[in-house]
Protein backbone atom coordinates (compact mmCIF):
# COMPACT_ATOMS: atom_id res chain seq x y z
CA MET A 1 0.00 0.00 0.00
CA ALA A 2 1.40 3.39 -0.98
CA LEU A 3 2.22 5.99 1.65
CA PRO A 4 2.29 9.74 1.07
CA LYS A 5 5.80 11.13 0.80
CA TYR A 6 4.84 14.61 2.02
CA LYS A 7 2.24 16.11 4.35
CA THR A 8 -0.87 17.36 2.58
CA SER A 9 -1.27 21.09 3.09
CA ARG A 10 -4.33 22.61 4.72
CA ALA A 11 -5.30 24.37 1.50
CA ASN A 12 -5.34 21.11 -0.44
CA THR A 13 -7.22 19.33 2.33
CA HIS A 14 -9.85 22.06 2.62
CA SER A 15 -10.32 22.35 -1.13
CA ARG A 16 -10.78 18.59 -1.39
CA ARG A 17 -13.27 18.50 1.49
CA ALA A 18 -15.20 21.48 0.09
CA ASN A 19 -17.11 19.10 -2.18
CA TRP A 20 -18.47 17.07 0.75
CA LYS A 21 -21.69 18.98 1.30
CA ALA A 22 -24.74 17.71 3.09
CA SER A 23 -27.98 17.97 1.13
CA ALA A 24 -31.51 18.06 2.43
CA ALA A 25 -33.65 14.97 1.97
CA GLN A 26 -36.00 15.15 -0.99
CA THR A 27 -39.67 15.24 -0.03
CA VAL A 28 -42.88 14.70 -1.96
CA THR A 29 -46.40 15.80 -1.10
CA CYS A 30 -48.81 13.16 0.12
CA PRO A 31 -51.69 12.74 -2.37
CA ASN A 32 -54.06 11.97 0.51
CA CYS A 33 -53.41 14.84 2.95
CA GLY A 34 -50.86 17.07 1.18
CA ALA A 35 -48.23 16.87 3.92
CA PRO A 36 -44.55 16.61 2.94
CA THR A 37 -43.20 13.08 3.30
CA LEU A 38 -40.24 11.02 2.18
CA PRO A 39 -40.66 9.12 -1.11
CA HIS A 40 -41.40 5.39 -0.92
CA VAL A 41 -42.40 5.74 2.78
CA ALA A 42 -45.85 5.85 4.37
CA CYS A 43 -47.02 9.37 5.27
CA PRO A 44 -46.33 10.10 8.96
CA SER A 45 -49.38 12.35 9.34
CA CYS A 46 -52.15 10.29 7.71
CA GLY A 47 -50.49 6.86 7.35
CA SER A 48 -51.33 6.29 3.69
CA PHE A 49 -49.01 4.82 1.07
CA ARG A 50 -50.01 3.95 -2.51
CA GLY A 51 -53.70 4.12 -1.74
CA ARG A 52 -53.57 1.96 1.38
CA VAL A 53 -53.80 3.24 4.94
CA TYR A 54 -51.21 1.94 7.40
CA ARG A 55 -52.36 4.06 10.33
CA ASP A 56 -52.44 1.16 12.83
CA ALA A 57 -48.81 0.23 12.13
CA ILE A 58 -47.66 3.84 12.58
CA GLN A 59 -49.61 4.36 15.81
CA SER A 60 -48.33 1.18 17.40
CA ALA A 61 -44.72 2.08 16.55
CA HIS A 62 -45.01 5.56 18.10
CA THR A 63 -46.86 4.51 21.27
CA LYS A 64 -44.09 2.16 22.41
């Protein structure tokens, strides 16, 4: 495995790490209630996903 011959300067390190930016999670609007929710996940406010309602599963997970 290769080892660096010289110490990497702060300028090079900071310029390399400048591209590591955090991005906000993409959200979609729920077609049932209109609340923002993550894609491919049941809506946390109404519990619907692809026309089905999973409200019982969400309530039991939050009450524990």
